[in-house]
Amino acid sequence: MKQLMVTFSPSDTDRRSIEEALRHLAEVRFLVDASPEDRMAALKRAEILLTWHLSRELKSEEIRALAGLQFMELLSAGADHLPFDLIPDQVRIASNVGGYAEPMAEHVMAFLLALAKDLQGGHRKLASGVFDQTTANRRIAGMTAGILGYGGIGRASARLMKAFGMRVEAVNRSGRGDEYADWIGSPDHLDALLPRVDVLLITLPLTAETRGLIGARELKLMKPDAILINVARGDIIVERDLYEHLRSHPQFLAGIDAWWTEPFRNGAFSTNYPFFDLDNLMGTPHNSGIVPGTMEEALRMAVDNVRRFLSGESVRGMVNRREYLSLPLKGE
């Protein structure tokens, strides 16, 4: 049987679920069980890796030593944090696509409703003693949503948007949609999409190609009172350009869950511009997928993807490392 190494420290319940799901397919080992002197040897024997944050769990020399590794499954939906230059070339990598889609779609709708209904503004007025019953809020039924990245999160969001009576248009590389998308296009259609949407939802993975995809030019193409929601990665939007656009277009609204400098990758949270002085921005701490039970479900999906690999079935979320290494970075 294949040798599988789990590099993070699972709970006892998670440990048992991993072992039970793969007991007839792989010999499961947990790196936390290895003594310091046996650690490197155990990693060299690994043929499959189940990992959460590879650079925190393994040292650089340990990653380079994964000479026998064939397949790496991520618990995370994104792969942009991986040190691709250290991972041996033969390793196939899969991200946990769709692992957090359902709670994230709910978060998208929370942003959308709170921004369209100006819940923050209404609360502030009441707190100051102003009972404003005359200023109208916005109805989302009849709005057109544009979704950039029509994968698990995009599809889950589209299903909820349709229930609210919205039109859904989407852009992805395949140009393939589902019953929730009224229109589907490729990235070449982005400029045509932006002027006609009331809501722009970003659920794309961060790659060299999508970094800086939304900048000043793209923001100017959008309606002056459009709503922008980003639950993907901060660097897909040019930080300065978004701040300046929000500052100069007070009717333009933004809900940001994914930031440019976050603890997961950078060790701390910070912004380069005073976003929180703006009344037309609502932020959350990249917790759109964090609800009770979500990590257990994400682990179940990741382990099932390992099972697919071991059984010779189609694997979800295969990562093309060239998208992270060889393409010129945009927005720099």
Protein backbone atom coordinates (compact mmCIF):
# COMPACT_ATOMS: atom_id res chain seq x y z
CA MET A 1 0.00 0.00 0.00
CA LYS A 2 0.99 3.60 -0.58
CA GLN A 3 2.61 5.56 2.26
CA LEU A 4 0.50 8.60 3.23
CA MET A 5 1.90 11.28 5.54
CA VAL A 6 -0.33 13.80 7.32
CA THR A 7 1.79 16.87 8.06
CA PHE A 8 -0.61 18.78 10.34
CA SER A 9 -1.69 17.75 13.84
CA PRO A 10 -5.26 16.40 13.64
CA SER A 11 -7.63 15.92 16.53
CA ASP A 12 -8.20 12.36 17.72
CA THR A 13 -11.53 12.33 15.89
CA ASP A 14 -9.97 13.57 12.65
CA ARG A 15 -7.15 11.07 12.98
CA ARG A 16 -9.61 8.21 13.23
CA SER A 17 -11.67 9.47 10.30
CA ILE A 18 -8.58 9.68 8.05
CA GLU A 19 -7.47 6.19 9.02
CA GLU A 20 -10.93 4.71 8.58
CA ALA A 21 -11.49 6.29 5.15
CA LEU A 22 -8.16 5.09 3.74
CA ARG A 23 -7.46 1.92 5.74
CA HIS A 24 -7.66 -0.42 2.73
CA LEU A 25 -5.82 1.92 0.37
CA ALA A 26 -2.88 3.49 2.19
CA GLU A 27 -0.65 3.18 5.22
CA VAL A 28 -1.44 6.37 7.10
CA ARG A 29 1.28 8.06 9.15
CA PHE A 30 1.16 11.30 11.13
CA LEU A 31 4.24 13.49 11.19
CA VAL A 32 3.51 14.55 14.76
CA ASP A 33 4.20 10.93 15.81
CA ALA A 34 7.70 10.87 14.34
CA SER A 35 10.65 11.52 16.62
CA PRO A 36 13.00 14.37 15.61
CA GLU A 37 15.64 11.89 14.44
CA ASP A 38 13.11 9.87 12.37
CA ARG A 39 11.27 12.83 10.86
CA MET A 40 13.36 13.23 7.70
CA ALA A 41 13.40 9.50 6.98
CA ALA A 42 9.61 9.32 7.39
CA LEU A 43 9.13 12.16 4.91
CA LYS A 44 11.43 10.55 2.37
CA ARG A 45 9.25 7.43 2.46
CA ALA A 46 6.03 9.40 1.90
CA GLU A 47 4.30 8.86 -1.43
CA ILE A 48 1.20 10.96 -0.62
CA LEU A 49 1.02 14.09 1.51
CA LEU A 50 -2.09 15.51 3.19
CA THR A 51 -1.18 19.04 4.25
CA TRP A 52 -2.66 22.29 5.52
CA HIS A 53 0.11 24.92 5.47
CA LEU A 54 3.15 23.20 3.99
CA SER A 55 5.71 25.94 4.72
CA ARG A 56 4.75 26.03 8.39
CA GLU A 57 4.61 22.29 8.80
CA LEU A 58 7.85 21.43 6.98
CA LYS A 59 11.25 23.07 6.75
CA SER A 60 12.61 23.97 3.31
CA GLU A 61 15.08 21.08 3.32
CA GLU A 62 12.28 18.68 4.29
CA ILE A 63 10.14 19.79 1.35
CA ARG A 64 13.07 19.32 -1.04
CA ALA A 65 13.64 15.84 0.41
CA LEU A 66 10.22 14.55 -0.71
CA ALA A 67 11.87 12.58 -3.49
CA GLY A 68 9.36 9.74 -3.44
CA LEU A 69 6.28 11.92 -3.25
CA GLN A 70 3.71 11.37 -5.99
CA PHE A 71 0.64 13.30 -4.85
CA MET A 72 -0.09 16.20 -2.49
CA GLU A 73 -3.62 17.00 -1.30
CA LEU A 74 -4.27 20.39 0.30
CA LEU A 75 -6.85 21.09 2.97
CA SER A 76 -7.02 24.66 1.67
CA ALA A 77 -9.04 25.64 -1.38
CA GLY A 78 -6.25 27.89 -2.63
CA ALA A 79 -2.73 26.88 -3.63
CA ASP A 80 -1.11 30.32 -3.84
CA HIS A 81 0.68 29.87 -0.49
CA LEU A 82 2.70 26.86 -1.66
CA PRO A 83 6.49 27.14 -2.18
CA PHE A 84 6.32 25.68 -5.68
CA ASP A 85 10.04 26.19 -6.25
CA LEU A 86 10.81 23.73 -3.42
CA ILE A 87 8.32 20.99 -4.32
CA PRO A 88 9.84 18.24 -6.52
CA ASP A 89 8.67 18.45 -10.14
CA GLN A 90 7.06 15.02 -10.25
CA VAL A 91 4.55 15.80 -7.49
CA ARG A 92 0.93 16.19 -8.59
CA ILE A 93 -0.92 18.71 -6.42
CA ALA A 94 -4.65 19.04 -5.77
CA SER A 95 -6.41 21.84 -3.90
CA ASN A 96 -9.57 21.29 -1.87
CA VAL A 97 -11.95 22.98 -4.30
CA GLY A 98 -15.47 23.39 -3.00
CA GLY A 99 -14.46 22.43 0.51
CA TYR A 100 -15.82 25.66 1.97
CA ALA A 101 -18.29 26.66 -0.73
CA GLU A 102 -21.62 26.51 1.09
CA PRO A 103 -20.79 28.67 4.13
CA MET A 104 -18.87 31.08 1.90
CA ALA A 105 -21.92 31.50 -0.32
CA GLU A 106 -23.97 32.43 2.75
CA HIS A 107 -21.31 34.99 3.65
CA VAL A 108 -21.53 36.44 0.15
CA MET A 109 -25.27 36.93 0.57
CA ALA A 110 -24.75 38.49 4.00
CA PHE A 111 -22.38 41.03 2.43
CA LEU A 112 -24.74 41.66 -0.46
CA LEU A 113 -27.82 42.21 1.69
CA ALA A 114 -26.02 44.29 4.32
CA LEU A 115 -24.47 46.56 1.68
CA ALA A 116 -27.56 46.90 -0.51
CA LYS A 117 -29.76 47.61 2.53
CA ASP A 118 -27.12 49.87 4.17
CA LEU A 119 -27.48 48.10 7.49
CA GLN A 120 -24.32 49.73 8.85
CA GLY A 121 -25.52 53.21 7.90
CA GLY A 122 -28.98 52.66 9.35
CA HIS A 123 -27.50 51.43 12.61
CA ARG A 124 -25.17 54.43 12.87
CA LYS A 125 -28.06 56.83 12.30
CA LEU A 126 -30.18 55.18 14.98
CA ALA A 127 -27.25 55.23 17.40
CA SER A 128 -26.97 59.00 16.88
CA GLY A 129 -30.70 59.48 17.43
CA VAL A 130 -31.72 59.83 13.76
CA PHE A 131 -34.78 57.79 12.76
CA ASP A 132 -34.45 57.95 8.96
CA GLN A 133 -37.46 56.20 7.49
CA THR A 134 -37.38 58.06 4.16
CA THR A 135 -34.05 57.10 2.58
CA ALA A 136 -34.70 54.06 0.37
CA ASN A 137 -32.51 50.98 0.45
CA ARG A 138 -31.86 48.84 -2.60
CA ARG A 139 -33.72 45.75 -3.75
CA ILE A 140 -31.50 42.91 -4.95
CA ALA A 141 -34.25 41.14 -6.89
CA GLY A 142 -33.69 42.10 -10.52
CA MET A 143 -30.00 42.91 -10.02
CA THR A 144 -27.39 41.32 -12.28
CA ALA A 145 -24.49 39.59 -10.56
CA GLY A 146 -21.22 38.91 -12.33
CA ILE A 147 -19.19 36.06 -10.86
CA LEU A 148 -15.49 35.81 -11.65
CA GLY A 149 -14.48 32.21 -11.10
CA TYR A 150 -17.45 29.90 -11.51
CA GLY A 151 -16.28 26.98 -9.41
CA GLY A 152 -17.66 25.59 -6.16
CA ILE A 153 -18.05 28.93 -4.38
CA GLY A 154 -19.34 30.70 -7.47
CA ARG A 155 -21.95 28.03 -8.15
CA ALA A 156 -23.11 27.90 -4.53
CA SER A 157 -23.44 31.70 -4.52
CA ALA A 158 -25.30 31.69 -7.83
CA ARG A 159 -27.86 29.23 -6.47
CA LEU A 160 -28.65 31.59 -3.58
CA MET A 161 -28.68 34.65 -5.81
CA LYS A 162 -31.20 33.04 -8.14
CA ALA A 163 -33.44 32.34 -5.14
CA PHE A 164 -33.48 36.10 -4.53
CA GLY A 165 -34.52 36.80 -8.10
CA MET A 166 -31.16 37.93 -9.43
CA ARG A 167 -29.70 37.40 -12.89
CA VAL A 168 -26.35 35.61 -12.85
CA GLU A 169 -23.59 36.04 -15.41
CA ALA A 170 -20.26 34.32 -14.91
CA VAL A 171 -16.75 34.11 -16.28
CA ASN A 172 -14.48 31.09 -16.09
CA ARG A 173 -11.81 29.52 -18.25
CA SER A 174 -13.90 26.62 -19.45
CA GLY A 175 -16.86 28.75 -20.49
CA ARG A 176 -19.14 26.07 -19.01
CA GLY A 177 -21.92 26.93 -16.57
CA ASP A 178 -24.96 25.27 -15.03
CA GLU A 179 -28.66 25.90 -14.56
CA TYR A 180 -27.99 28.87 -12.26
CA ALA A 181 -25.95 30.87 -14.78
CA ASP A 182 -28.00 32.91 -17.24
CA TRP A 183 -24.85 33.66 -19.22
CA ILE A 184 -21.33 32.24 -19.13
CA GLY A 185 -18.21 33.60 -20.79
CA SER A 186 -14.44 33.30 -20.83
CA PRO A 187 -11.90 35.78 -19.36
CA ASP A 188 -11.85 37.53 -22.74
CA HIS A 189 -15.40 38.71 -21.98
CA LEU A 190 -14.48 40.50 -18.73
CA ASP A 191 -14.55 44.02 -20.19
CA ALA A 192 -17.99 43.39 -21.65
CA LEU A 193 -19.28 41.95 -18.36
CA LEU A 194 -18.13 44.69 -15.98
CA PRO A 195 -20.33 47.58 -17.22
CA ARG A 196 -23.56 45.60 -17.02
CA VAL A 197 -23.34 44.04 -13.54
CA ASP A 198 -24.76 45.49 -10.33
CA VAL A 199 -22.72 43.08 -8.22
CA LEU A 200 -19.26 41.70 -8.95
CA LEU A 201 -18.31 38.62 -6.94
CA ILE A 202 -14.69 37.43 -7.00
CA THR A 203 -14.14 33.74 -6.29
CA LEU A 204 -11.10 33.17 -8.53
CA PRO A 205 -7.93 31.42 -7.38
CA LEU A 206 -4.90 33.69 -7.09
CA THR A 207 -2.40 32.87 -9.83
CA ALA A 208 0.19 34.88 -11.71
CA GLU A 209 -2.51 35.59 -14.30
CA THR A 210 -5.24 36.74 -11.91
CA ARG A 211 -3.03 38.83 -9.65
CA GLY A 212 -4.00 42.47 -10.14
CA LEU A 213 -6.84 41.46 -12.46
CA ILE A 214 -9.13 44.17 -11.07
CA GLY A 215 -7.47 47.58 -11.07
CA ALA A 216 -8.35 51.19 -11.79
CA ARG A 217 -9.28 50.53 -15.43
CA GLU A 218 -11.65 47.68 -14.57
CA LEU A 219 -13.24 49.55 -11.67
CA LYS A 220 -13.96 52.51 -13.95
CA LEU A 221 -15.81 50.18 -16.32
CA MET A 222 -18.27 49.28 -13.56
CA LYS A 223 -21.44 51.13 -12.60
CA PRO A 224 -20.81 53.97 -10.13
CA ASP A 225 -23.13 52.31 -7.58
CA ALA A 226 -21.99 48.72 -8.14
CA ILE A 227 -21.23 46.34 -5.29
CA LEU A 228 -17.89 44.49 -5.26
CA ILE A 229 -17.48 41.40 -3.05
CA ASN A 230 -14.18 39.56 -2.69
CA VAL A 231 -14.06 36.23 -0.84
CA ALA A 232 -11.08 34.88 -2.83
CA ARG A 233 -7.67 36.52 -2.39
CA GLY A 234 -6.80 40.16 -1.79
CA ASP A 235 -4.14 40.39 -4.49
CA ILE A 236 -6.66 39.76 -7.26
CA ILE A 237 -7.60 43.44 -6.72
CA VAL A 238 -5.01 46.22 -6.78
CA GLU A 239 -5.21 47.54 -3.22
CA ARG A 240 -4.49 51.19 -3.93
CA ASP A 241 -6.85 51.28 -6.91
CA LEU A 242 -9.74 49.92 -4.87
CA TYR A 243 -9.15 52.38 -2.05
CA GLU A 244 -9.01 55.35 -4.43
CA HIS A 245 -12.12 54.19 -6.26
CA LEU A 246 -14.08 53.77 -3.05
CA ARG A 247 -12.90 57.16 -1.82
CA SER A 248 -13.84 58.96 -5.02
CA HIS A 249 -17.08 57.02 -5.64
CA PRO A 250 -19.05 57.01 -2.36
CA GLN A 251 -21.96 55.14 -3.98
CA PHE A 252 -19.67 52.27 -4.96
CA LEU A 253 -19.77 49.59 -2.24
CA ALA A 254 -17.34 46.84 -1.31
CA GLY A 255 -17.46 43.78 0.94
CA ILE A 256 -13.98 42.43 1.57
CA ASP A 257 -13.30 39.12 3.28
CA ALA A 258 -9.89 38.45 1.66
CA TRP A 259 -7.15 40.99 2.39
CA TRP A 260 -3.76 41.79 1.01
CA THR A 261 -1.77 41.22 4.20
CA GLU A 262 -3.16 38.48 6.43
CA PRO A 263 -1.83 36.41 9.34
CA PHE A 264 -1.98 33.09 7.43
CA ARG A 265 0.66 34.18 4.93
CA ASN A 266 2.19 37.31 6.44
CA GLY A 267 2.03 36.73 10.18
CA ALA A 268 -0.18 39.76 10.86
CA PHE A 269 -3.06 41.77 9.43
CA SER A 270 -2.55 45.26 8.03
CA THR A 271 -3.69 47.55 5.24
CA ASN A 272 -1.69 50.11 3.33
CA TYR A 273 -4.62 52.51 3.05
CA PRO A 274 -7.25 53.72 5.57
CA PHE A 275 -10.07 51.53 4.29
CA PHE A 276 -11.88 51.59 7.61
CA ASP A 277 -12.33 55.36 7.44
CA LEU A 278 -14.68 54.75 4.50
CA ASP A 279 -18.43 54.38 4.98
CA ASN A 280 -18.84 52.39 1.75
CA LEU A 281 -16.71 49.42 2.80
CA MET A 282 -17.59 46.44 4.97
CA GLY A 283 -14.89 44.02 6.05
CA THR A 284 -14.64 40.61 7.66
CA PRO A 285 -11.47 38.75 8.78
CA HIS A 286 -11.34 36.09 6.03
CA ASN A 287 -13.75 33.94 8.01
CA SER A 288 -16.41 33.42 5.33
CA GLY A 289 -15.87 29.66 5.40
CA ILE A 290 -15.52 29.29 9.15
CA VAL A 291 -18.71 27.88 10.65
CA PRO A 292 -19.20 24.94 13.04
CA GLY A 293 -18.41 21.70 11.24
CA THR A 294 -16.80 23.30 8.20
CA MET A 295 -13.29 22.02 8.91
CA GLU A 296 -14.59 18.49 9.39
CA GLU A 297 -16.40 18.69 6.05
CA ALA A 298 -13.33 20.17 4.34
CA LEU A 299 -11.18 17.35 5.73
CA ARG A 300 -13.72 14.77 4.55
CA MET A 301 -13.58 16.20 1.03
CA ALA A 302 -9.77 16.32 1.02
CA VAL A 303 -9.51 12.72 2.22
CA ASP A 304 -12.03 11.66 -0.41
CA ASN A 305 -9.81 13.28 -3.04
CA VAL A 306 -6.90 11.18 -1.76
CA ARG A 307 -9.14 8.13 -2.06
CA ARG A 308 -9.91 9.13 -5.65
CA PHE A 309 -6.20 9.31 -6.43
CA LEU A 310 -5.50 5.94 -4.84
CA SER A 311 -8.45 4.33 -6.65
CA GLY A 312 -7.49 5.72 -10.04
CA GLU A 313 -10.54 7.96 -10.23
CA SER A 314 -10.70 11.56 -11.48
CA VAL A 315 -9.16 13.91 -8.92
CA ARG A 316 -10.76 17.29 -8.14
CA GLY A 317 -8.84 20.55 -8.15
CA MET A 318 -5.63 19.60 -9.92
CA VAL A 319 -3.15 22.48 -9.73
CA ASN A 320 -1.07 23.62 -12.68
CA ARG A 321 2.11 24.89 -11.06
CA ARG A 322 3.04 26.80 -14.21
CA GLU A 323 0.19 29.19 -13.45
CA TYR A 324 2.03 30.17 -10.28
CA LEU A 325 5.63 30.09 -11.51
CA SER A 326 5.98 31.00 -15.16
CA LEU A 327 3.39 33.66 -16.03
CA PRO A 328 4.22 37.37 -15.67
CA LEU A 329 2.63 38.97 -12.63
CA LYS A 330 -0.06 41.54 -13.35
CA GLY A 331 -0.70 44.65 -11.30
CA GLU A 332 2.98 45.24 -10.45
